[in-house]
Structures are given as C-alpha cells and as structure tokens.
Amino acid sequence: MTFAALSDVTRRGVLEQLGDSDASVTDLARRFGMTLTGMKKHVSILEQAGLVTTEKVGRVRTCKLGRRQLEEEAAWIERHRELWSARFDALDELVEHLKSKEKANVQRKRR
C-alpha cells in the first residue's frame, strides 16, 4: 500500500509540502492546481497508508505528516538494491569475459 501511495508524483509532492508545514486540503489543492475533490482523494490514499493524518476543525481539514516511518520499505529497497547490484556486477564480469574472448579470437584470425 505504501509504494502505491508513493507512486504518484502529486502524493510525493504533498508529503514534501507537509514536511515543511501542516496545510489544509484546500491549500494543497491550490498549490497543486487541483480540484478539492481530487486532492481529497490523494490525501485519503496517503492517510490509508499511514503517511498523513488529518484533523477537521469546523470546515477546515488540516493535513500533517503521519507518524508512520518507512523503515520496512527502506529495508525492502535496500535488500533489492543489493540483489540488483550483485546481478549487475555479475553481468559486468560476463561482458568483460566475452570482450576478452572476442579480442583473443580476432588476434588468432590475424595470424
């Protein structure tokens, strides 16, 4: 759910804005040039993921960063980064091996 929430550029932008200061849904909609309904949907998705909390006082719904940390997601990303890094290293070795093999074949044909 968290990655789905973070997959949208607007929602990532909302999190950046809220990192600076709390904001009403109306203010966020204005900043992103969106309708109030559209921004409410984005905020709702962020809220479901635990990344944002909202509080309604009168007619104003204020948004702020949620308390949820992204340690699990960061650990998942790191595990996959290590996996892909190892795979790319192995691919680099294979490419270098094939290049040197090709170079040796070219030199043998010249003789």
PDB file of N, CA and C in Angstrom:
ATOM      1  N   MET A   1       0.817  -1.199   0.000  1.00  0.00           N
ATOM      2  CA  MET A   1       0.000   0.000   0.000  1.00  0.00           C
ATOM      3  C   MET A   1       0.864   1.268   0.000  1.00  0.00           C
ATOM      4  N   THR A   2       1.969   1.233   0.729  1.00  0.00           N
ATOM      5  CA  THR A   2       2.828   2.414   0.819  1.00  0.00           C
ATOM      6  C   THR A   2       3.425   2.765  -0.535  1.00  0.00           C
ATOM      7  N   PHE A   3       3.930   1.741  -1.254  1.00  0.00           N
ATOM      8  CA  PHE A   3       4.541   2.018  -2.550  1.00  0.00           C
ATOM      9  C   PHE A   3       3.498   2.552  -3.528  1.00  0.00           C
ATOM     10  N   ALA A   4       2.276   2.047  -3.461  1.00  0.00           N
ATOM     11  CA  ALA A   4       1.209   2.555  -4.327  1.00  0.00           C
ATOM     12  C   ALA A   4       0.936   4.020  -4.004  1.00  0.00           C
ATOM     13  N   ALA A   5       0.935   4.347  -2.722  1.00  0.00           N
ATOM     14  CA  ALA A   5       0.700   5.741  -2.318  1.00  0.00           C
ATOM     15  C   ALA A   5       1.828   6.644  -2.803  1.00  0.00           C
ATOM     16  N   LEU A   6       3.051   6.147  -2.754  1.00  0.00           N
ATOM     17  CA  LEU A   6       4.210   6.947  -3.154  1.00  0.00           C
ATOM     18  C   LEU A   6       4.455   6.950  -4.657  1.00  0.00           C
ATOM     19  N   SER A   7       3.723   6.129  -5.388  1.00  0.00           N
ATOM     20  CA  SER A   7       3.960   6.026  -6.830  1.00  0.00           C
ATOM     21  C   SER A   7       3.494   7.259  -7.596  1.00  0.00           C
ATOM     22  N   ASP A   8       2.653   8.062  -6.985  1.00  0.00           N
ATOM     23  CA  ASP A   8       2.104   9.237  -7.665  1.00  0.00           C
ATOM     24  C   ASP A   8       2.908  10.490  -7.317  1.00  0.00           C
ATOM     25  N   VAL A   9       3.272  11.242  -8.339  1.00  0.00           N
ATOM     26  CA  VAL A   9       4.100  12.441  -8.147  1.00  0.00           C
ATOM     27  C   VAL A   9       3.385  13.488  -7.288  1.00  0.00           C
ATOM     28  N   THR A  10       2.092  13.612  -7.423  1.00  0.00           N
ATOM     29  CA  THR A  10       1.355  14.587  -6.612  1.00  0.00           C
ATOM     30  C   THR A  10       1.407  14.208  -5.142  1.00  0.00           C
ATOM     31  N   ARG A  11       1.219  12.928  -4.850  1.00  0.00           N
ATOM     32  CA  ARG A  11       1.251  12.496  -3.444  1.00  0.00           C
ATOM     33  C   ARG A  11       2.644  12.673  -2.846  1.00  0.00           C
ATOM     34  N   ARG A  12       3.673  12.416  -3.637  1.00  0.00           N
ATOM     35  CA  ARG A  12       5.032  12.671  -3.131  1.00  0.00           C
ATOM     36  C   ARG A  12       5.220  14.174  -2.864  1.00  0.00           C
ATOM     37  N   GLY A  13       4.668  14.991  -3.747  1.00  0.00           N
ATOM     38  CA  GLY A  13       4.746  16.439  -3.553  1.00  0.00           C
ATOM     39  C   GLY A  13       4.004  16.884  -2.306  1.00  0.00           C
ATOM     40  N   VAL A  14       2.864  16.279  -2.051  1.00  0.00           N
ATOM     41  CA  VAL A  14       2.092  16.600  -0.842  1.00  0.00           C
ATOM     42  C   VAL A  14       2.931  16.277   0.394  1.00  0.00           C
ATOM     43  N   LEU A  15       3.593  15.131   0.392  1.00  0.00           N
ATOM     44  CA  LEU A  15       4.436  14.770   1.540  1.00  0.00           C
ATOM     45  C   LEU A  15       5.567  15.774   1.724  1.00  0.00           C
ATOM     46  N   GLU A  16       6.154  16.227   0.627  1.00  0.00           N
ATOM     47  CA  GLU A  16       7.214  17.239   0.725  1.00  0.00           C
ATOM     48  C   GLU A  16       6.673  18.529   1.327  1.00  0.00           C
ATOM     49  N   GLN A  17       5.499  18.953   0.857  1.00  0.00           N
ATOM     50  CA  GLN A  17       4.885  20.178   1.392  1.00  0.00           C
ATOM     51  C   GLN A  17       4.616  20.043   2.885  1.00  0.00           C
ATOM     52  N   LEU A  18       4.066  18.881   3.266  1.00  0.00           N
ATOM     53  CA  LEU A  18       3.730  18.679   4.674  1.00  0.00           C
ATOM     54  C   LEU A  18       4.979  18.527   5.536  1.00  0.00           C
ATOM     55  N   GLY A  19       6.092  18.172   4.923  1.00  0.00           N
ATOM     56  CA  GLY A  19       7.352  18.126   5.659  1.00  0.00           C
ATOM     57  C   GLY A  19       7.789  19.511   6.095  1.00  0.00           C
ATOM     58  N   ASP A  20       7.376  20.523   5.340  1.00  0.00           N
ATOM     59  CA  ASP A  20       7.697  21.910   5.689  1.00  0.00           C
ATOM     60  C   ASP A  20       6.724  22.462   6.725  1.00  0.00           C
ATOM     61  N   SER A  21       5.425  22.206   6.506  1.00  0.00           N
ATOM     62  CA  SER A  21       4.414  22.684   7.450  1.00  0.00           C
ATOM     63  C   SER A  21       3.073  22.021   7.163  1.00  0.00           C
ATOM     64  N   ASP A  22       2.241  21.963   8.171  1.00  0.00           N
ATOM     65  CA  ASP A  22       0.894  21.433   8.001  1.00  0.00           C
ATOM     66  C   ASP A  22       0.142  22.319   7.017  1.00  0.00           C
ATOM     67  N   ALA A  23      -0.873  21.752   6.364  1.00  0.00           N
ATOM     68  CA  ALA A  23      -1.641  22.530   5.386  1.00  0.00           C
ATOM     69  C   ALA A  23      -3.055  21.976   5.295  1.00  0.00           C
ATOM     70  N   SER A  24      -3.971  22.842   4.943  1.00  0.00           N
ATOM     71  CA  SER A  24      -5.343  22.389   4.732  1.00  0.00           C
ATOM     72  C   SER A  24      -5.439  21.719   3.368  1.00  0.00           C
ATOM     73  N   VAL A  25      -6.466  20.894   3.214  1.00  0.00           N
ATOM     74  CA  VAL A  25      -6.691  20.250   1.924  1.00  0.00           C
ATOM     75  C   VAL A  25      -6.892  21.316   0.851  1.00  0.00           C
ATOM     76  N   THR A  26      -7.571  22.379   1.197  1.00  0.00           N
ATOM     77  CA  THR A  26      -7.808  23.479   0.257  1.00  0.00           C
ATOM     78  C   THR A  26      -6.493  24.116  -0.189  1.00  0.00           C
ATOM     79  N   ASP A  27      -5.600  24.371   0.768  1.00  0.00           N
ATOM     80  CA  ASP A  27      -4.290  24.947   0.426  1.00  0.00           C
ATOM     81  C   ASP A  27      -3.497  24.016  -0.484  1.00  0.00           C
ATOM     82  N   LEU A  28      -3.526  22.724  -0.175  1.00  0.00           N
ATOM     83  CA  LEU A  28      -2.805  21.756  -1.001  1.00  0.00           C
ATOM     84  C   LEU A  28      -3.382  21.712  -2.416  1.00  0.00           C
ATOM     85  N   ALA A  29      -4.699  21.721  -2.505  1.00  0.00           N
ATOM     86  CA  ALA A  29      -5.342  21.706  -3.827  1.00  0.00           C
ATOM     87  C   ALA A  29      -4.925  22.926  -4.632  1.00  0.00           C
ATOM     88  N   ARG A  30      -4.881  24.060  -3.989  1.00  0.00           N
ATOM     89  CA  ARG A  30      -4.479  25.298  -4.659  1.00  0.00           C
ATOM     90  C   ARG A  30      -3.021  25.223  -5.114  1.00  0.00           C
ATOM     91  N   ARG A  31      -2.141  24.749  -4.241  1.00  0.00           N
ATOM     92  CA  ARG A  31      -0.713  24.656  -4.565  1.00  0.00           C
ATOM     93  C   ARG A  31      -0.449  23.734  -5.751  1.00  0.00           C
ATOM     94  N   PHE A  32      -1.261  22.690  -5.875  1.00  0.00           N
ATOM     95  CA  PHE A  32      -1.047  21.710  -6.942  1.00  0.00           C
ATOM     96  C   PHE A  32      -1.980  21.930  -8.135  1.00  0.00           C
ATOM     97  N   GLY A  33      -2.760  23.010  -8.092  1.00  0.00           N
ATOM     98  CA  GLY A  33      -3.648  23.322  -9.207  1.00  0.00           C
ATOM     99  C   GLY A  33      -4.683  22.233  -9.449  1.00  0.00           C
ATOM    100  N   MET A  34      -5.240  21.714  -8.385  1.00  0.00           N
ATOM    101  CA  MET A  34      -6.204  20.612  -8.482  1.00  0.00           C
ATOM    102  C   MET A  34      -7.541  21.030  -7.901  1.00  0.00           C
ATOM    103  N   THR A  35      -8.541  20.217  -8.213  1.00  0.00           N
ATOM    104  CA  THR A  35      -9.836  20.416  -7.576  1.00  0.00           C
ATOM    105  C   THR A  35      -9.743  19.918  -6.137  1.00  0.00           C
ATOM    106  N   LEU A  36     -10.634  20.402  -5.313  1.00  0.00           N
ATOM    107  CA  LEU A  36     -10.693  19.971  -3.919  1.00  0.00           C
ATOM    108  C   LEU A  36     -10.966  18.470  -3.846  1.00  0.00           C
ATOM    109  N   THR A  37     -11.858  17.991  -4.691  1.00  0.00           N
ATOM    110  CA  THR A  37     -12.191  16.559  -4.722  1.00  0.00           C
ATOM    111  C   THR A  37     -10.973  15.715  -5.085  1.00  0.00           C
ATOM    112  N   GLY A  38     -10.214  16.159  -6.071  1.00  0.00           N
ATOM    113  CA  GLY A  38      -9.010  15.429  -6.474  1.00  0.00           C
ATOM    114  C   GLY A  38      -7.992  15.359  -5.360  1.00  0.00           C
ATOM    115  N   MET A  39      -7.788  16.473  -4.672  1.00  0.00           N
ATOM    116  CA  MET A  39      -6.818  16.487  -3.580  1.00  0.00           C
ATOM    117  C   MET A  39      -7.301  15.638  -2.420  1.00  0.00           C
ATOM    118  N   LYS A  40      -8.602  15.653  -2.144  1.00  0.00           N
ATOM    119  CA  LYS A  40      -9.137  14.808  -1.065  1.00  0.00           C
ATOM    120  C   LYS A  40      -8.836  13.343  -1.335  1.00  0.00           C
ATOM    121  N   LYS A  41      -8.917  12.932  -2.598  1.00  0.00           N
ATOM    122  CA  LYS A  41      -8.614  11.538  -2.950  1.00  0.00           C
ATOM    123  C   LYS A  41      -7.144  11.225  -2.679  1.00  0.00           C
ATOM    124  N   HIS A  42      -6.264  12.136  -3.073  1.00  0.00           N
ATOM    125  CA  HIS A  42      -4.831  11.925  -2.822  1.00  0.00           C
ATOM    126  C   HIS A  42      -4.548  11.850  -1.321  1.00  0.00           C
ATOM    127  N   VAL A  43      -5.125  12.754  -0.566  1.00  0.00           N
ATOM    128  CA  VAL A  43      -4.912  12.784   0.886  1.00  0.00           C
ATOM    129  C   VAL A  43      -5.464  11.505   1.512  1.00  0.00           C
ATOM    130  N   SER A  44      -6.589  11.043   1.037  1.00  0.00           N
ATOM    131  CA  SER A  44      -7.193   9.812   1.563  1.00  0.00           C
ATOM    132  C   SER A  44      -6.265   8.614   1.359  1.00  0.00           C
ATOM    133  N   ILE A  45      -5.649   8.521   0.197  1.00  0.00           N
ATOM    134  CA  ILE A  45      -4.720   7.419  -0.086  1.00  0.00           C
ATOM    135  C   ILE A  45      -3.506   7.511   0.836  1.00  0.00           C
ATOM    136  N   LEU A  46      -2.986   8.711   1.025  1.00  0.00           N
ATOM    137  CA  LEU A  46      -1.849   8.897   1.927  1.00  0.00           C
ATOM    138  C   LEU A  46      -2.227   8.573   3.368  1.00  0.00           C
ATOM    139  N   GLU A  47      -3.453   8.900   3.724  1.00  0.00           N
ATOM    140  CA  GLU A  47      -3.945   8.617   5.071  1.00  0.00           C
ATOM    141  C   GLU A  47      -4.080   7.105   5.295  1.00  0.00           C
ATOM    142  N   GLN A  48      -4.614   6.401   4.298  1.00  0.00           N
ATOM    143  CA  GLN A  48      -4.764   4.952   4.404  1.00  0.00           C
ATOM    144  C   GLN A  48      -3.413   4.267   4.548  1.00  0.00           C
ATOM    145  N   ALA A  49      -2.389   4.833   3.928  1.00  0.00           N
ATOM    146  CA  ALA A  49      -1.034   4.276   4.026  1.00  0.00           C
ATOM    147  C   ALA A  49      -0.351   4.683   5.329  1.00  0.00           C
ATOM    148  N   GLY A  50      -0.984   5.546   6.111  1.00  0.00           N
ATOM    149  CA  GLY A  50      -0.414   5.984   7.376  1.00  0.00           C
ATOM    150  C   GLY A  50       0.638   7.070   7.236  1.00  0.00           C
ATOM    151  N   LEU A  51       0.724   7.664   6.043  1.00  0.00           N
ATOM    152  CA  LEU A  51       1.744   8.685   5.807  1.00  0.00           C
ATOM    153  C   LEU A  51       1.275  10.089   6.164  1.00  0.00           C
ATOM    154  N   VAL A  52      -0.041  10.259   6.250  1.00  0.00           N
ATOM    155  CA  VAL A  52      -0.633  11.567   6.549  1.00  0.00           C
ATOM    156  C   VAL A  52      -1.755  11.363   7.546  1.00  0.00           C
ATOM    157  N   THR A  53      -1.929  12.328   8.429  1.00  0.00           N
ATOM    158  CA  THR A  53      -3.102  12.352   9.297  1.00  0.00           C
ATOM    159  C   THR A  53      -3.850  13.646   9.027  1.00  0.00           C
ATOM    160  N   THR A  54      -5.156  13.601   9.236  1.00  0.00           N
ATOM    161  CA  THR A  54      -5.952  14.815   9.047  1.00  0.00           C
ATOM    162  C   THR A  54      -6.799  15.048  10.283  1.00  0.00           C
ATOM    163  N   GLU A  55      -7.112  16.316  10.483  1.00  0.00           N
ATOM    164  CA  GLU A  55      -7.974  16.710  11.594  1.00  0.00           C
ATOM    165  C   GLU A  55      -8.915  17.778  11.083  1.00  0.00           C
ATOM    166  N   LYS A  56     -10.195  17.564  11.340  1.00  0.00           N
ATOM    167  CA  LYS A  56     -11.182  18.537  10.884  1.00  0.00           C
ATOM    168  C   LYS A  56     -11.600  19.416  12.058  1.00  0.00           C
ATOM    169  N   VAL A  57     -11.419  20.715  11.859  1.00  0.00           N
ATOM    170  CA  VAL A  57     -11.844  21.702  12.845  1.00  0.00           C
ATOM    171  C   VAL A  57     -12.781  22.649  12.118  1.00  0.00           C
ATOM    172  N   GLY A  58     -14.037  22.584  12.455  1.00  0.00           N
ATOM    173  CA  GLY A  58     -15.031  23.368  11.736  1.00  0.00           C
ATOM    174  C   GLY A  58     -15.133  22.870  10.310  1.00  0.00           C
ATOM    175  N   ARG A  59     -14.907  23.757   9.360  1.00  0.00           N
ATOM    176  CA  ARG A  59     -14.997  23.393   7.950  1.00  0.00           C
ATOM    177  C   ARG A  59     -13.633  23.118   7.324  1.00  0.00           C
ATOM    178  N   VAL A  60     -12.578  23.235   8.128  1.00  0.00           N
ATOM    179  CA  VAL A  60     -11.218  23.102   7.595  1.00  0.00           C
ATOM    180  C   VAL A  60     -10.614  21.758   8.006  1.00  0.00           C
ATOM    181  N   ARG A  61     -10.156  21.013   7.005  1.00  0.00           N
ATOM    182  CA  ARG A  61      -9.456  19.740   7.266  1.00  0.00           C
ATOM    183  C   ARG A  61      -7.963  19.997   7.081  1.00  0.00           C
ATOM    184  N   THR A  62      -7.213  19.886   8.191  1.00  0.00           N
ATOM    185  CA  THR A  62      -5.773  20.131   8.173  1.00  0.00           C
ATOM    186  C   THR A  62      -5.029  18.810   8.070  1.00  0.00           C
ATOM    187  N   CYS A  63      -4.014  18.811   7.226  1.00  0.00           N
ATOM    188  CA  CYS A  63      -3.200  17.617   6.995  1.00  0.00           C
ATOM    189  C   CYS A  63      -1.826  17.823   7.603  1.00  0.00           C
ATOM    190  N   LYS A  64      -1.278  16.749   8.146  1.00  0.00           N
ATOM    191  CA  LYS A  64       0.106  16.765   8.616  1.00  0.00           C
ATOM    192  C   LYS A  64       0.703  15.397   8.391  1.00  0.00           C
ATOM    193  N   LEU A  65       2.023  15.347   8.420  1.00  0.00           N
ATOM    194  CA  LEU A  65       2.702  14.068   8.216  1.00  0.00           C
ATOM    195  C   LEU A  65       2.280  13.092   9.292  1.00  0.00           C
ATOM    196  N   GLY A  66       2.083  11.845   8.893  1.00  0.00           N
ATOM    197  CA  GLY A  66       1.749  10.801   9.846  1.00  0.00           C
ATOM    198  C   GLY A  66       2.983  10.402  10.631  1.00  0.00           C
ATOM    199  N   ARG A  67       2.764   9.631  11.653  1.00  0.00           N
ATOM    200  CA  ARG A  67       3.884   9.194  12.489  1.00  0.00           C
ATOM    201  C   ARG A  67       4.566   7.962  11.916  1.00  0.00           C
ATOM    202  N   ARG A  68       3.937   7.376  10.933  1.00  0.00           N
ATOM    203  CA  ARG A  68       4.465   6.134  10.366  1.00  0.00           C
ATOM    204  C   ARG A  68       5.806   6.390   9.705  1.00  0.00           C
ATOM    205  N   GLN A  69       6.786   5.600  10.080  1.00  0.00           N
ATOM    206  CA  GLN A  69       8.110   5.682   9.474  1.00  0.00           C
ATOM    207  C   GLN A  69       8.182   4.678   8.323  1.00  0.00           C
ATOM    208  N   LEU A  70       9.148   4.820   7.487  1.00  0.00           N
ATOM    209  CA  LEU A  70       9.264   3.972   6.301  1.00  0.00           C
ATOM    210  C   LEU A  70      10.423   2.977   6.429  1.00  0.00           C
ATOM    211  N   GLU A  71      10.701   2.517   7.665  1.00  0.00           N
ATOM    212  CA  GLU A  71      11.828   1.594   7.865  1.00  0.00           C
ATOM    213  C   GLU A  71      11.655   0.296   7.088  1.00  0.00           C
ATOM    214  N   GLU A  72      10.455  -0.286   7.132  1.00  0.00           N
ATOM    215  CA  GLU A  72      10.222  -1.548   6.424  1.00  0.00           C
ATOM    216  C   GLU A  72      10.443  -1.380   4.923  1.00  0.00           C
ATOM    217  N   GLU A  73       9.916  -0.308   4.378  1.00  0.00           N
ATOM    218  CA  GLU A  73      10.069  -0.051   2.949  1.00  0.00           C
ATOM    219  C   GLU A  73      11.531   0.213   2.594  1.00  0.00           C
ATOM    220  N   ALA A  74      12.215   0.963   3.443  1.00  0.00           N
ATOM    221  CA  ALA A  74      13.633   1.250   3.195  1.00  0.00           C
ATOM    222  C   ALA A  74      14.454  -0.041   3.244  1.00  0.00           C
ATOM    223  N   ALA A  75      14.140  -0.946   4.177  1.00  0.00           N
ATOM    224  CA  ALA A  75      14.848  -2.221   4.262  1.00  0.00           C
ATOM    225  C   ALA A  75      14.580  -3.067   3.014  1.00  0.00           C
ATOM    226  N   TRP A  76      13.332  -3.064   2.551  1.00  0.00           N
ATOM    227  CA  TRP A  76      12.971  -3.818   1.338  1.00  0.00           C
ATOM    228  C   TRP A  76      13.749  -3.272   0.140  1.00  0.00           C
ATOM    229  N   ILE A  77      13.803  -1.967   0.010  1.00  0.00           N
ATOM    230  CA  ILE A  77      14.530  -1.333  -1.091  1.00  0.00           C
ATOM    231  C   ILE A  77      16.014  -1.688  -1.009  1.00  0.00           C
ATOM    232  N   GLU A  78      16.573  -1.647   0.185  1.00  0.00           N
ATOM    233  CA  GLU A  78      17.998  -1.953   0.350  1.00  0.00           C
ATOM    234  C   GLU A  78      18.304  -3.402  -0.029  1.00  0.00           C
ATOM    235  N   ARG A  79      17.449  -4.337   0.385  1.00  0.00           N
ATOM    236  CA  ARG A  79      17.659  -5.745   0.013  1.00  0.00           C
ATOM    237  C   ARG A  79      17.652  -5.904  -1.498  1.00  0.00           C
ATOM    238  N   HIS A  80      16.719  -5.247  -2.157  1.00  0.00           N
ATOM    239  CA  HIS A  80      16.629  -5.362  -3.611  1.00  0.00           C
ATOM    240  C   HIS A  80      17.748  -4.592  -4.316  1.00  0.00           C
ATOM    241  N   ARG A  81      18.203  -3.520  -3.721  1.00  0.00           N
ATOM    242  CA  ARG A  81      19.341  -2.792  -4.282  1.00  0.00           C
ATOM    243  C   ARG A  81      20.580  -3.679  -4.255  1.00  0.00           C
ATOM    244  N   GLU A  82      20.786  -4.365  -3.143  1.00  0.00           N
ATOM    245  CA  GLU A  82      21.933  -5.273  -3.027  1.00  0.00           C
ATOM    246  C   GLU A  82      21.832  -6.409  -4.036  1.00  0.00           C
ATOM    247  N   LEU A  83      20.642  -6.971  -4.190  1.00  0.00           N
ATOM    248  CA  LEU A  83      20.425  -8.053  -5.144  1.00  0.00           C
ATOM    249  C   LEU A  83      20.747  -7.591  -6.560  1.00  0.00           C
ATOM    250  N   TRP A  84      20.198  -6.451  -6.963  1.00  0.00           N
ATOM    251  CA  TRP A  84      20.430  -5.948  -8.321  1.00  0.00           C
ATOM    252  C   TRP A  84      21.875  -5.521  -8.516  1.00  0.00           C
ATOM    253  N   SER A  85      22.491  -4.987  -7.487  1.00  0.00           N
ATOM    254  CA  SER A  85      23.897  -4.610  -7.587  1.00  0.00           C
ATOM    255  C   SER A  85      24.750  -5.851  -7.854  1.00  0.00           C
ATOM    256  N   ALA A  86      24.470  -6.942  -7.142  1.00  0.00           N
ATOM    257  CA  ALA A  86      25.211  -8.189  -7.365  1.00  0.00           C
ATOM    258  C   ALA A  86      24.964  -8.719  -8.775  1.00  0.00           C
ATOM    259  N   ARG A  87      23.735  -8.629  -9.243  1.00  0.00           N
ATOM    260  CA  ARG A  87      23.426  -9.093 -10.597  1.00  0.00           C
ATOM    261  C   ARG A  87      24.145  -8.261 -11.650  1.00  0.00           C
ATOM    262  N   PHE A  88      24.180  -6.952 -11.469  1.00  0.00           N
ATOM    263  CA  PHE A  88      24.877  -6.089 -12.428  1.00  0.00           C
ATOM    264  C   PHE A  88      26.381  -6.332 -12.396  1.00  0.00           C
ATOM    265  N   ASP A  89      26.919  -6.588 -11.196  1.00  0.00           N
ATOM    266  CA  ASP A  89      28.347  -6.914 -11.103  1.00  0.00           C
ATOM    267  C   ASP A  89      28.651  -8.198 -11.876  1.00  0.00           C
ATOM    268  N   ALA A  90      27.801  -9.193 -11.731  1.00  0.00           N
ATOM    269  CA  ALA A  90      27.985 -10.457 -12.456  1.00  0.00           C
ATOM    270  C   ALA A  90      27.871 -10.229 -13.958  1.00  0.00           C
ATOM    271  N   LEU A  91      26.953  -9.394 -14.373  1.00  0.00           N
ATOM    272  CA  LEU A  91      26.795  -9.073 -15.793  1.00  0.00           C
ATOM    273  C   LEU A  91      28.040  -8.356 -16.321  1.00  0.00           C
ATOM    274  N   ASP A  92      28.567  -7.425 -15.552  1.00  0.00           N
ATOM    275  CA  ASP A  92      29.808  -6.733 -15.951  1.00  0.00           C
ATOM    276  C   ASP A  92      30.941  -7.724 -16.157  1.00  0.00           C
ATOM    277  N   GLU A  93      31.070  -8.675 -15.237  1.00  0.00           N
ATOM    278  CA  GLU A  93      32.118  -9.692 -15.367  1.00  0.00           C
ATOM    279  C   GLU A  93      31.928 -10.520 -16.633  1.00  0.00           C
ATOM    280  N   LEU A  94      30.694 -10.898 -16.911  1.00  0.00           N
ATOM    281  CA  LEU A  94      30.399 -11.682 -18.112  1.00  0.00           C
ATOM    282  C   LEU A  94      30.737 -10.889 -19.375  1.00  0.00           C
ATOM    283  N   VAL A  95      30.369  -9.623 -19.416  1.00  0.00           N
ATOM    284  CA  VAL A  95      30.659  -8.776 -20.573  1.00  0.00           C
ATOM    285  C   VAL A  95      32.171  -8.659 -20.767  1.00  0.00           C
ATOM    286  N   GLU A  96      32.902  -8.428 -19.695  1.00  0.00           N
ATOM    287  CA  GLU A  96      34.360  -8.326 -19.797  1.00  0.00           C
ATOM    288  C   GLU A  96      34.968  -9.637 -20.287  1.00  0.00           C
ATOM    289  N   HIS A  97      34.455 -10.756 -19.789  1.00  0.00           N
ATOM    290  CA  HIS A  97      34.937 -12.066 -20.232  1.00  0.00           C
ATOM    291  C   HIS A  97      34.685 -12.254 -21.727  1.00  0.00           C
ATOM    292  N   LEU A  98      33.486 -11.911 -22.173  1.00  0.00           N
ATOM    293  CA  LEU A  98      33.155 -12.053 -23.591  1.00  0.00           C
ATOM    294  C   LEU A  98      33.985 -11.122 -24.470  1.00  0.00           C
ATOM    295  N   LYS A  99      34.258  -9.917 -23.985  1.00  0.00           N
ATOM    296  CA  LYS A  99      35.093  -8.977 -24.742  1.00  0.00           C
ATOM    297  C   LYS A  99      36.508  -9.525 -24.905  1.00  0.00           C
ATOM    298  N   SER A 100      37.061 -10.037 -23.823  1.00  0.00           N
ATOM    299  CA  SER A 100      38.434 -10.553 -23.915  1.00  0.00           C
ATOM    300  C   SER A 100      38.479 -11.805 -24.782  1.00  0.00           C
ATOM    301  N   LYS A 101      37.454 -12.619 -24.735  1.00  0.00           N
ATOM    302  CA  LYS A 101      37.377 -13.806 -25.580  1.00  0.00           C
ATOM    303  C   LYS A 101      37.287 -13.402 -27.054  1.00  0.00           C
ATOM    304  N   GLU A 102      36.480 -12.385 -27.345  1.00  0.00           N
ATOM    305  CA  GLU A 102      36.334 -11.893 -28.722  1.00  0.00           C
ATOM    306  C   GLU A 102      37.650 -11.303 -29.223  1.00  0.00           C
ATOM    307  N   LYS A 103      38.315 -10.560 -28.351  1.00  0.00           N
ATOM    308  CA  LYS A 103      39.591  -9.958 -28.719  1.00  0.00           C
ATOM    309  C   LYS A 103      40.624 -11.048 -29.031  1.00  0.00           C
ATOM    310  N   ALA A 104      40.642 -12.105 -28.232  1.00  0.00           N
ATOM    311  CA  ALA A 104      41.570 -13.219 -28.472  1.00  0.00           C
ATOM    312  C   ALA A 104      41.253 -13.904 -29.794  1.00  0.00           C
ATOM    313  N   ASN A 105      39.983 -14.070 -30.121  1.00  0.00           N
ATOM    314  CA  ASN A 105      39.584 -14.686 -31.395  1.00  0.00           C
ATOM    315  C   ASN A 105      40.014 -13.830 -32.583  1.00  0.00           C
ATOM    316  N   VAL A 106      39.902 -12.528 -32.483  1.00  0.00           N
ATOM    317  CA  VAL A 106      40.305 -11.614 -33.555  1.00  0.00           C
ATOM    318  C   VAL A 106      41.808 -11.705 -33.771  1.00  0.00           C
ATOM    319  N   GLN A 107      42.559 -11.742 -32.677  1.00  0.00           N
ATOM    320  CA  GLN A 107      44.025 -11.835 -32.780  1.00  0.00           C
ATOM    321  C   GLN A 107      44.453 -13.164 -33.416  1.00  0.00           C
ATOM    322  N   ARG A 108      43.767 -14.257 -33.090  1.00  0.00           N
ATOM    323  CA  ARG A 108      44.100 -15.555 -33.677  1.00  0.00           C
ATOM    324  C   ARG A 108      43.818 -15.565 -35.179  1.00  0.00           C
ATOM    325  N   LYS A 109      42.756 -14.910 -35.609  1.00  0.00           N
ATOM    326  CA  LYS A 109      42.404 -14.879 -37.028  1.00  0.00           C
ATOM    327  C   LYS A 109      43.409 -14.068 -37.826  1.00  0.00           C
ATOM    328  N   ARG A 110      44.043 -13.093 -37.229  1.00  0.00           N
ATOM    329  CA  ARG A 110      45.035 -12.251 -37.912  1.00  0.00           C
ATOM    330  C   ARG A 110      46.328 -13.021 -38.158  1.00  0.00           C
ATOM    331  N   ARG A 111      46.593 -14.014 -37.418  1.00  0.00           N
ATOM    332  CA  ARG A 111      47.869 -14.755 -37.534  1.00  0.00           C
ATOM    333  C   ARG A 111      47.828 -15.685 -38.653  1.00  0.00           C
TER     334      ARG A 111
END
